[in-house]
Full PDB file with SEQRES, HELIX, SHEET, SSBOND, CRYST1, ORIGX, SCALE, CONECT and MASTER records, all heavy atoms in Angstrom:
SEQRES   1 A   32  LEU THR PRO MET ILE SER THR ASP ALA TYR PHE ASP PHE          
SEQRES   2 A   32  ALA ALA ALA PHE ALA ILE SER LEU ALA LEU LEU PHE GLN          
SEQRES   3 A   32  MET PRO LEU LEU THR PHE                                      
HELIX    1 AA1 THR A    7  LEU A   24  1                                  18    
HELIX    2 AA2 MET A   27  THR A   31  1                                   5    
CRYST1    1.000    1.000    1.000  90.00  90.00  90.00 P 1           1          
ORIGX1      1.000000  0.000000  0.000000        0.00000                         
ORIGX2      0.000000  1.000000  0.000000        0.00000                         
ORIGX3      0.000000  0.000000  1.000000        0.00000                         
SCALE1      1.000000  0.000000  0.000000        0.00000                         
SCALE2      0.000000  1.000000  0.000000        0.00000                         
SCALE3      0.000000  0.000000  1.000000        0.00000                         
ATOM      1  N   LEU A   1      14.980   7.240  38.076  1.00  0.00           N  
ATOM      2  CA  LEU A   1      14.240   8.039  37.102  1.00  0.00           C  
ATOM      3  C   LEU A   1      13.171   7.162  36.456  1.00  0.00           C  
ATOM      4  O   LEU A   1      13.475   6.253  35.697  1.00  0.00           O  
ATOM      5  CB  LEU A   1      15.169   8.569  36.015  1.00  0.00           C  
ATOM      6  CG  LEU A   1      16.227   9.575  36.440  1.00  0.00           C  
ATOM      7  CD1 LEU A   1      17.191   9.844  35.302  1.00  0.00           C  
ATOM      8  CD2 LEU A   1      15.563  10.867  36.868  1.00  0.00           C  
ATOM      9  N   THR A   2      11.929   7.448  36.762  1.00  0.00           N  
ATOM     10  CA  THR A   2      10.810   6.699  36.192  1.00  0.00           C  
ATOM     11  C   THR A   2      10.065   7.601  35.217  1.00  0.00           C  
ATOM     12  O   THR A   2       9.587   8.669  35.609  1.00  0.00           O  
ATOM     13  CB  THR A   2       9.846   6.242  37.307  1.00  0.00           C  
ATOM     14  OG1 THR A   2      10.576   5.489  38.262  1.00  0.00           O  
ATOM     15  CG2 THR A   2       8.712   5.415  36.730  1.00  0.00           C  
ATOM     16  N   PRO A   3       9.974   7.188  33.960  1.00  0.00           N  
ATOM     17  CA  PRO A   3       9.254   8.035  33.005  1.00  0.00           C  
ATOM     18  C   PRO A   3       7.748   7.995  33.252  1.00  0.00           C  
ATOM     19  O   PRO A   3       7.152   6.931  33.351  1.00  0.00           O  
ATOM     20  CB  PRO A   3       9.602   7.423  31.649  1.00  0.00           C  
ATOM     21  CG  PRO A   3       9.993   6.026  31.941  1.00  0.00           C  
ATOM     22  CD  PRO A   3      10.535   6.002  33.328  1.00  0.00           C  
ATOM     23  N   MET A   4       7.179   9.158  33.403  1.00  0.00           N  
ATOM     24  CA  MET A   4       5.731   9.321  33.502  1.00  0.00           C  
ATOM     25  C   MET A   4       5.366  10.444  32.535  1.00  0.00           C  
ATOM     26  O   MET A   4       5.401  11.617  32.878  1.00  0.00           O  
ATOM     27  CB  MET A   4       5.304   9.654  34.932  1.00  0.00           C  
ATOM     28  CG  MET A   4       5.509   8.512  35.898  1.00  0.00           C  
ATOM     29  SD  MET A   4       4.916   8.873  37.543  1.00  0.00           S  
ATOM     30  CE  MET A   4       3.199   9.043  37.267  1.00  0.00           C  
ATOM     31  N   ILE A   5       5.043  10.069  31.341  1.00  0.00           N  
ATOM     32  CA  ILE A   5       4.797  11.039  30.282  1.00  0.00           C  
ATOM     33  C   ILE A   5       3.327  11.433  30.305  1.00  0.00           C  
ATOM     34  O   ILE A   5       2.449  10.572  30.285  1.00  0.00           O  
ATOM     35  CB  ILE A   5       5.175  10.448  28.924  1.00  0.00           C  
ATOM     36  CG1 ILE A   5       6.647  10.034  28.945  1.00  0.00           C  
ATOM     37  CG2 ILE A   5       4.907  11.445  27.811  1.00  0.00           C  
ATOM     38  CD1 ILE A   5       7.054   9.213  27.771  1.00  0.00           C  
ATOM     39  N   SER A   6       3.089  12.723  30.324  1.00  0.00           N  
ATOM     40  CA  SER A   6       1.702  13.190  30.298  1.00  0.00           C  
ATOM     41  C   SER A   6       1.167  13.098  28.875  1.00  0.00           C  
ATOM     42  O   SER A   6       1.924  13.144  27.901  1.00  0.00           O  
ATOM     43  CB  SER A   6       1.600  14.616  30.820  1.00  0.00           C  
ATOM     44  OG  SER A   6       2.099  15.530  29.882  1.00  0.00           O  
ATOM     45  N   THR A   7      -0.129  12.978  28.765  1.00  0.00           N  
ATOM     46  CA  THR A   7      -0.755  12.876  27.457  1.00  0.00           C  
ATOM     47  C   THR A   7      -0.492  14.126  26.623  1.00  0.00           C  
ATOM     48  O   THR A   7      -0.228  14.038  25.425  1.00  0.00           O  
ATOM     49  CB  THR A   7      -2.274  12.663  27.594  1.00  0.00           C  
ATOM     50  OG1 THR A   7      -2.819  13.723  28.383  1.00  0.00           O  
ATOM     51  CG2 THR A   7      -2.577  11.342  28.244  1.00  0.00           C  
ATOM     52  N   ASP A   8      -0.517  15.287  27.263  1.00  0.00           N  
ATOM     53  CA  ASP A   8      -0.288  16.541  26.562  1.00  0.00           C  
ATOM     54  C   ASP A   8       1.144  16.623  26.027  1.00  0.00           C  
ATOM     55  O   ASP A   8       1.364  17.005  24.878  1.00  0.00           O  
ATOM     56  CB  ASP A   8      -0.576  17.709  27.505  1.00  0.00           C  
ATOM     57  CG  ASP A   8      -0.755  19.020  26.771  1.00  0.00           C  
ATOM     58  OD1 ASP A   8      -1.423  19.004  25.714  1.00  0.00           O  
ATOM     59  OD2 ASP A   8      -0.245  20.037  27.247  1.00  0.00           O  
ATOM     60  N   ALA A   9       2.115  16.245  26.849  1.00  0.00           N  
ATOM     61  CA  ALA A   9       3.517  16.289  26.428  1.00  0.00           C  
ATOM     62  C   ALA A   9       3.771  15.310  25.278  1.00  0.00           C  
ATOM     63  O   ALA A   9       4.478  15.637  24.321  1.00  0.00           O  
ATOM     64  CB  ALA A   9       4.427  15.976  27.605  1.00  0.00           C  
ATOM     65  N   TYR A  10       3.189  14.124  25.367  1.00  0.00           N  
ATOM     66  CA  TYR A  10       3.381  13.134  24.301  1.00  0.00           C  
ATOM     67  C   TYR A  10       2.750  13.599  22.996  1.00  0.00           C  
ATOM     68  O   TYR A  10       3.359  13.490  21.933  1.00  0.00           O  
ATOM     69  CB  TYR A  10       2.799  11.778  24.716  1.00  0.00           C  
ATOM     70  CG  TYR A  10       3.010  10.717  23.667  1.00  0.00           C  
ATOM     71  CD1 TYR A  10       4.250  10.108  23.512  1.00  0.00           C  
ATOM     72  CD2 TYR A  10       1.988  10.353  22.809  1.00  0.00           C  
ATOM     73  CE1 TYR A  10       4.456   9.152  22.537  1.00  0.00           C  
ATOM     74  CE2 TYR A  10       2.191   9.394  21.828  1.00  0.00           C  
ATOM     75  CZ  TYR A  10       3.421   8.789  21.703  1.00  0.00           C  
ATOM     76  OH  TYR A  10       3.624   7.849  20.730  1.00  0.00           O  
ATOM     77  N   PHE A  11       1.537  14.125  23.064  1.00  0.00           N  
ATOM     78  CA  PHE A  11       0.875  14.587  21.847  1.00  0.00           C  
ATOM     79  C   PHE A  11       1.646  15.737  21.211  1.00  0.00           C  
ATOM     80  O   PHE A  11       1.827  15.764  19.985  1.00  0.00           O  
ATOM     81  CB  PHE A  11      -0.561  15.016  22.136  1.00  0.00           C  
ATOM     82  CG  PHE A  11      -1.276  15.476  20.913  1.00  0.00           C  
ATOM     83  CD1 PHE A  11      -1.823  14.559  20.030  1.00  0.00           C  
ATOM     84  CD2 PHE A  11      -1.398  16.833  20.628  1.00  0.00           C  
ATOM     85  CE1 PHE A  11      -2.468  14.982  18.884  1.00  0.00           C  
ATOM     86  CE2 PHE A  11      -2.047  17.257  19.489  1.00  0.00           C  
ATOM     87  CZ  PHE A  11      -2.580  16.333  18.611  1.00  0.00           C  
ATOM     88  N   ASP A  12       2.100  16.700  22.018  1.00  0.00           N  
ATOM     89  CA  ASP A  12       2.861  17.825  21.473  1.00  0.00           C  
ATOM     90  C   ASP A  12       4.158  17.354  20.823  1.00  0.00           C  
ATOM     91  O   ASP A  12       4.546  17.839  19.763  1.00  0.00           O  
ATOM     92  CB  ASP A  12       3.156  18.855  22.569  1.00  0.00           C  
ATOM     93  CG  ASP A  12       1.918  19.606  23.016  1.00  0.00           C  
ATOM     94  OD1 ASP A  12       0.882  19.555  22.305  1.00  0.00           O  
ATOM     95  OD2 ASP A  12       1.972  20.235  24.091  1.00  0.00           O  
ATOM     96  N   PHE A  13       4.837  16.399  21.463  1.00  0.00           N  
ATOM     97  CA  PHE A  13       6.077  15.845  20.919  1.00  0.00           C  
ATOM     98  C   PHE A  13       5.806  15.129  19.600  1.00  0.00           C  
ATOM     99  O   PHE A  13       6.507  15.338  18.610  1.00  0.00           O  
ATOM    100  CB  PHE A  13       6.702  14.893  21.944  1.00  0.00           C  
ATOM    101  CG  PHE A  13       8.008  14.302  21.516  1.00  0.00           C  
ATOM    102  CD1 PHE A  13       9.151  15.069  21.486  1.00  0.00           C  
ATOM    103  CD2 PHE A  13       8.086  12.965  21.139  1.00  0.00           C  
ATOM    104  CE1 PHE A  13      10.366  14.517  21.090  1.00  0.00           C  
ATOM    105  CE2 PHE A  13       9.281  12.412  20.743  1.00  0.00           C  
ATOM    106  CZ  PHE A  13      10.428  13.188  20.721  1.00  0.00           C  
ATOM    107  N   ALA A  14       4.774  14.291  19.567  1.00  0.00           N  
ATOM    108  CA  ALA A  14       4.441  13.538  18.353  1.00  0.00           C  
ATOM    109  C   ALA A  14       4.000  14.479  17.232  1.00  0.00           C  
ATOM    110  O   ALA A  14       4.378  14.282  16.065  1.00  0.00           O  
ATOM    111  CB  ALA A  14       3.353  12.514  18.653  1.00  0.00           C  
ATOM    112  N   ALA A  15       3.235  15.496  17.559  1.00  0.00           N  
ATOM    113  CA  ALA A  15       2.775  16.445  16.544  1.00  0.00           C  
ATOM    114  C   ALA A  15       3.951  17.235  15.965  1.00  0.00           C  
ATOM    115  O   ALA A  15       4.019  17.442  14.745  1.00  0.00           O  
ATOM    116  CB  ALA A  15       1.734  17.390  17.133  1.00  0.00           C  
ATOM    117  N   ALA A  16       4.872  17.669  16.810  1.00  0.00           N  
ATOM    118  CA  ALA A  16       6.052  18.391  16.322  1.00  0.00           C  
ATOM    119  C   ALA A  16       6.888  17.495  15.415  1.00  0.00           C  
ATOM    120  O   ALA A  16       7.399  17.943  14.379  1.00  0.00           O  
ATOM    121  CB  ALA A  16       6.888  18.891  17.498  1.00  0.00           C  
ATOM    122  N   PHE A  17       7.022  16.248  15.784  1.00  0.00           N  
ATOM    123  CA  PHE A  17       7.749  15.271  14.970  1.00  0.00           C  
ATOM    124  C   PHE A  17       7.092  15.134  13.601  1.00  0.00           C  
ATOM    125  O   PHE A  17       7.762  15.209  12.562  1.00  0.00           O  
ATOM    126  CB  PHE A  17       7.724  13.916  15.689  1.00  0.00           C  
ATOM    127  CG  PHE A  17       9.041  13.227  15.758  1.00  0.00           C  
ATOM    128  CD1 PHE A  17       9.901  13.450  16.813  1.00  0.00           C  
ATOM    129  CD2 PHE A  17       9.404  12.336  14.778  1.00  0.00           C  
ATOM    130  CE1 PHE A  17      11.112  12.800  16.875  1.00  0.00           C  
ATOM    131  CE2 PHE A  17      10.613  11.682  14.835  1.00  0.00           C  
ATOM    132  CZ  PHE A  17      11.472  11.912  15.887  1.00  0.00           C  
ATOM    133  N   ALA A  18       5.788  14.912  13.599  1.00  0.00           N  
ATOM    134  CA  ALA A  18       5.066  14.667  12.346  1.00  0.00           C  
ATOM    135  C   ALA A  18       5.073  15.898  11.448  1.00  0.00           C  
ATOM    136  O   ALA A  18       5.315  15.788  10.239  1.00  0.00           O  
ATOM    137  CB  ALA A  18       3.640  14.233  12.644  1.00  0.00           C  
ATOM    138  N   ILE A  19       4.817  17.064  12.015  1.00  0.00           N  
ATOM    139  CA  ILE A  19       4.763  18.281  11.201  1.00  0.00           C  
ATOM    140  C   ILE A  19       6.139  18.633  10.649  1.00  0.00           C  
ATOM    141  O   ILE A  19       6.270  19.029   9.491  1.00  0.00           O  
ATOM    142  CB  ILE A  19       4.163  19.441  12.014  1.00  0.00           C  
ATOM    143  CG1 ILE A  19       2.675  19.172  12.244  1.00  0.00           C  
ATOM    144  CG2 ILE A  19       4.359  20.774  11.310  1.00  0.00           C  
ATOM    145  CD1 ILE A  19       2.014  20.113  13.208  1.00  0.00           C  
ATOM    146  N   SER A  20       7.177  18.472  11.453  1.00  0.00           N  
ATOM    147  CA  SER A  20       8.535  18.757  10.977  1.00  0.00           C  
ATOM    148  C   SER A  20       8.886  17.884   9.779  1.00  0.00           C  
ATOM    149  O   SER A  20       9.410  18.374   8.775  1.00  0.00           O  
ATOM    150  CB  SER A  20       9.554  18.521  12.091  1.00  0.00           C  
ATOM    151  OG  SER A  20       9.325  19.392  13.160  1.00  0.00           O  
ATOM    152  N   LEU A  21       8.600  16.602   9.883  1.00  0.00           N  
ATOM    153  CA  LEU A  21       8.927  15.710   8.775  1.00  0.00           C  
ATOM    154  C   LEU A  21       8.003  15.919   7.581  1.00  0.00           C  
ATOM    155  O   LEU A  21       8.446  15.801   6.429  1.00  0.00           O  
ATOM    156  CB  LEU A  21       8.896  14.262   9.243  1.00  0.00           C  
ATOM    157  CG  LEU A  21      10.170  13.911  10.008  1.00  0.00           C  
ATOM    158  CD1 LEU A  21       9.989  12.663  10.819  1.00  0.00           C  
ATOM    159  CD2 LEU A  21      11.320  13.760   9.057  1.00  0.00           C  
ATOM    160  N   ALA A  22       6.751  16.242   7.814  1.00  0.00           N  
ATOM    161  CA  ALA A  22       5.836  16.507   6.705  1.00  0.00           C  
ATOM    162  C   ALA A  22       6.309  17.719   5.905  1.00  0.00           C  
ATOM    163  O   ALA A  22       6.298  17.701   4.671  1.00  0.00           O  
ATOM    164  CB  ALA A  22       4.424  16.725   7.226  1.00  0.00           C  
ATOM    165  N   LEU A  23       6.747  18.753   6.595  1.00  0.00           N  
ATOM    166  CA  LEU A  23       7.264  19.934   5.901  1.00  0.00           C  
ATOM    167  C   LEU A  23       8.605  19.644   5.242  1.00  0.00           C  
ATOM    168  O   LEU A  23       8.882  20.140   4.145  1.00  0.00           O  
ATOM    169  CB  LEU A  23       7.380  21.107   6.870  1.00  0.00           C  
ATOM    170  CG  LEU A  23       6.052  21.649   7.397  1.00  0.00           C  
ATOM    171  CD1 LEU A  23       6.298  22.750   8.432  1.00  0.00           C  
ATOM    172  CD2 LEU A  23       5.177  22.147   6.281  1.00  0.00           C  
ATOM    173  N   LEU A  24       9.417  18.842   5.876  1.00  0.00           N  
ATOM    174  CA  LEU A  24      10.708  18.480   5.301  1.00  0.00           C  
ATOM    175  C   LEU A  24      10.521  17.677   4.011  1.00  0.00           C  
ATOM    176  O   LEU A  24      11.294  17.833   3.061  1.00  0.00           O  
ATOM    177  CB  LEU A  24      11.531  17.683   6.313  1.00  0.00           C  
ATOM    178  CG  LEU A  24      12.978  17.420   5.958  1.00  0.00           C  
ATOM    179  CD1 LEU A  24      13.732  18.738   5.875  1.00  0.00           C  
ATOM    180  CD2 LEU A  24      13.616  16.540   6.998  1.00  0.00           C  
ATOM    181  N   PHE A  25       9.493  16.868   3.952  1.00  0.00           N  
ATOM    182  CA  PHE A  25       9.230  16.078   2.754  1.00  0.00           C  
ATOM    183  C   PHE A  25       8.696  16.936   1.606  1.00  0.00           C  
ATOM    184  O   PHE A  25       8.557  16.441   0.485  1.00  0.00           O  
ATOM    185  CB  PHE A  25       8.257  14.941   3.075  1.00  0.00           C  
ATOM    186  CG  PHE A  25       8.931  13.683   3.543  1.00  0.00           C  
ATOM    187  CD1 PHE A  25       9.841  13.682   4.578  1.00  0.00           C  
ATOM    188  CD2 PHE A  25       8.645  12.477   2.937  1.00  0.00           C  
ATOM    189  CE1 PHE A  25      10.446  12.530   5.016  1.00  0.00           C  
ATOM    190  CE2 PHE A  25       9.248  11.305   3.364  1.00  0.00           C  
ATOM    191  CZ  PHE A  25      10.157  11.331   4.408  1.00  0.00           C  
ATOM    192  N   GLN A  26       8.410  18.199   1.845  1.00  0.00           N  
ATOM    193  CA  GLN A  26       8.011  19.124   0.787  1.00  0.00           C  
ATOM    194  C   GLN A  26       9.218  19.716   0.065  1.00  0.00           C  
ATOM    195  O   GLN A  26       9.063  20.422  -0.931  1.00  0.00           O  
ATOM    196  CB  GLN A  26       7.162  20.261   1.364  1.00  0.00           C  
ATOM    197  CG  GLN A  26       5.847  19.839   1.947  1.00  0.00           C  
ATOM    198  CD  GLN A  26       4.871  19.360   0.903  1.00  0.00           C  
ATOM    199  OE1 GLN A  26       4.705  19.986  -0.133  1.00  0.00           O  
ATOM    200  NE2 GLN A  26       4.229  18.242   1.176  1.00  0.00           N  
ATOM    201  N   MET A  27      10.411  19.434   0.556  1.00  0.00           N  
ATOM    202  CA  MET A  27      11.626  20.009  -0.032  1.00  0.00           C  
ATOM    203  C   MET A  27      11.808  19.693  -1.522  1.00  0.00           C  
ATOM    204  O   MET A  27      12.272  20.561  -2.265  1.00  0.00           O  
ATOM    205  CB  MET A  27      12.866  19.565   0.755  1.00  0.00           C  
ATOM    206  CG  MET A  27      12.991  20.210   2.126  1.00  0.00           C  
ATOM    207  SD  MET A  27      13.181  21.989   2.036  1.00  0.00           S  
ATOM    208  CE  MET A  27      14.809  22.099   1.342  1.00  0.00           C  
ATOM    209  N   PRO A  28      11.474  18.491  -2.003  1.00  0.00           N  
ATOM    210  CA  PRO A  28      11.627  18.277  -3.452  1.00  0.00           C  
ATOM    211  C   PRO A  28      10.789  19.245  -4.293  1.00  0.00           C  
ATOM    212  O   PRO A  28      11.266  19.740  -5.323  1.00  0.00           O  
ATOM    213  CB  PRO A  28      11.158  16.833  -3.654  1.00  0.00           C  
ATOM    214  CG  PRO A  28      11.367  16.178  -2.333  1.00  0.00           C  
ATOM    215  CD  PRO A  28      11.135  17.246  -1.314  1.00  0.00           C  
ATOM    216  N   LEU A  29       9.575  19.531  -3.853  1.00  0.00           N  
ATOM    217  CA  LEU A  29       8.750  20.490  -4.602  1.00  0.00           C  
ATOM    218  C   LEU A  29       9.334  21.894  -4.522  1.00  0.00           C  
ATOM    219  O   LEU A  29       9.350  22.621  -5.514  1.00  0.00           O  
ATOM    220  CB  LEU A  29       7.324  20.504  -4.069  1.00  0.00           C  
ATOM    221  CG  LEU A  29       6.443  19.341  -4.480  1.00  0.00           C  
ATOM    222  CD1 LEU A  29       5.072  19.465  -3.842  1.00  0.00           C  
ATOM    223  CD2 LEU A  29       6.322  19.246  -5.974  1.00  0.00           C  
ATOM    224  N   LEU A  30       9.797  22.274  -3.338  1.00  0.00           N  
ATOM    225  CA  LEU A  30      10.409  23.594  -3.193  1.00  0.00           C  
ATOM    226  C   LEU A  30      11.638  23.718  -4.081  1.00  0.00           C  
ATOM    227  O   LEU A  30      11.823  24.727  -4.777  1.00  0.00           O  
ATOM    228  CB  LEU A  30      10.778  23.845  -1.721  1.00  0.00           C  
ATOM    229  CG  LEU A  30      11.458  25.169  -1.423  1.00  0.00           C  
ATOM    230  CD1 LEU A  30      10.505  26.326  -1.708  1.00  0.00           C  
ATOM    231  CD2 LEU A  30      11.922  25.205   0.012  1.00  0.00           C  
ATOM    232  N   THR A  31      12.473  22.702  -4.090  1.00  0.00           N  
ATOM    233  CA  THR A  31      13.666  22.716  -4.932  1.00  0.00           C  
ATOM    234  C   THR A  31      13.287  22.768  -6.406  1.00  0.00           C  
ATOM    235  O   THR A  31      13.913  23.485  -7.194  1.00  0.00           O  
ATOM    236  CB  THR A  31      14.524  21.472  -4.646  1.00  0.00           C  
ATOM    237  OG1 THR A  31      14.812  21.416  -3.257  1.00  0.00           O  
ATOM    238  CG2 THR A  31      15.826  21.513  -5.417  1.00  0.00           C  
ATOM    239  N   PHE A  32      12.264  22.026  -6.793  1.00  0.00           N  
ATOM    240  CA  PHE A  32      11.799  22.052  -8.178  1.00  0.00           C  
ATOM    241  C   PHE A  32      11.389  23.464  -8.594  1.00  0.00           C  
ATOM    242  O   PHE A  32      11.785  23.949  -9.661  1.00  0.00           O  
ATOM    243  CB  PHE A  32      10.624  21.084  -8.354  1.00  0.00           C  
ATOM    244  CG  PHE A  32       9.958  21.194  -9.688  1.00  0.00           C  
ATOM    245  CD1 PHE A  32      10.536  20.625 -10.816  1.00  0.00           C  
ATOM    246  CD2 PHE A  32       8.770  21.894  -9.829  1.00  0.00           C  
ATOM    247  CE1 PHE A  32       9.927  20.735 -12.057  1.00  0.00           C  
ATOM    248  CE2 PHE A  32       8.155  22.009 -11.053  1.00  0.00           C  
ATOM    249  CZ  PHE A  32       8.729  21.432 -12.180  1.00  0.00           C  
TER     250      PHE A  32                                                      
MASTER        0    0    0    2    0    0    0    6  249    1    0    3          
END                                                                             
């Protein structure tokens, strides 16, 4: 198994990671 990650797959993965955590970090304001 040799990883060959496409640019599109990597960007989508990284963007989902970043957006999920960015929204999760809004929880203190929502709770407030």
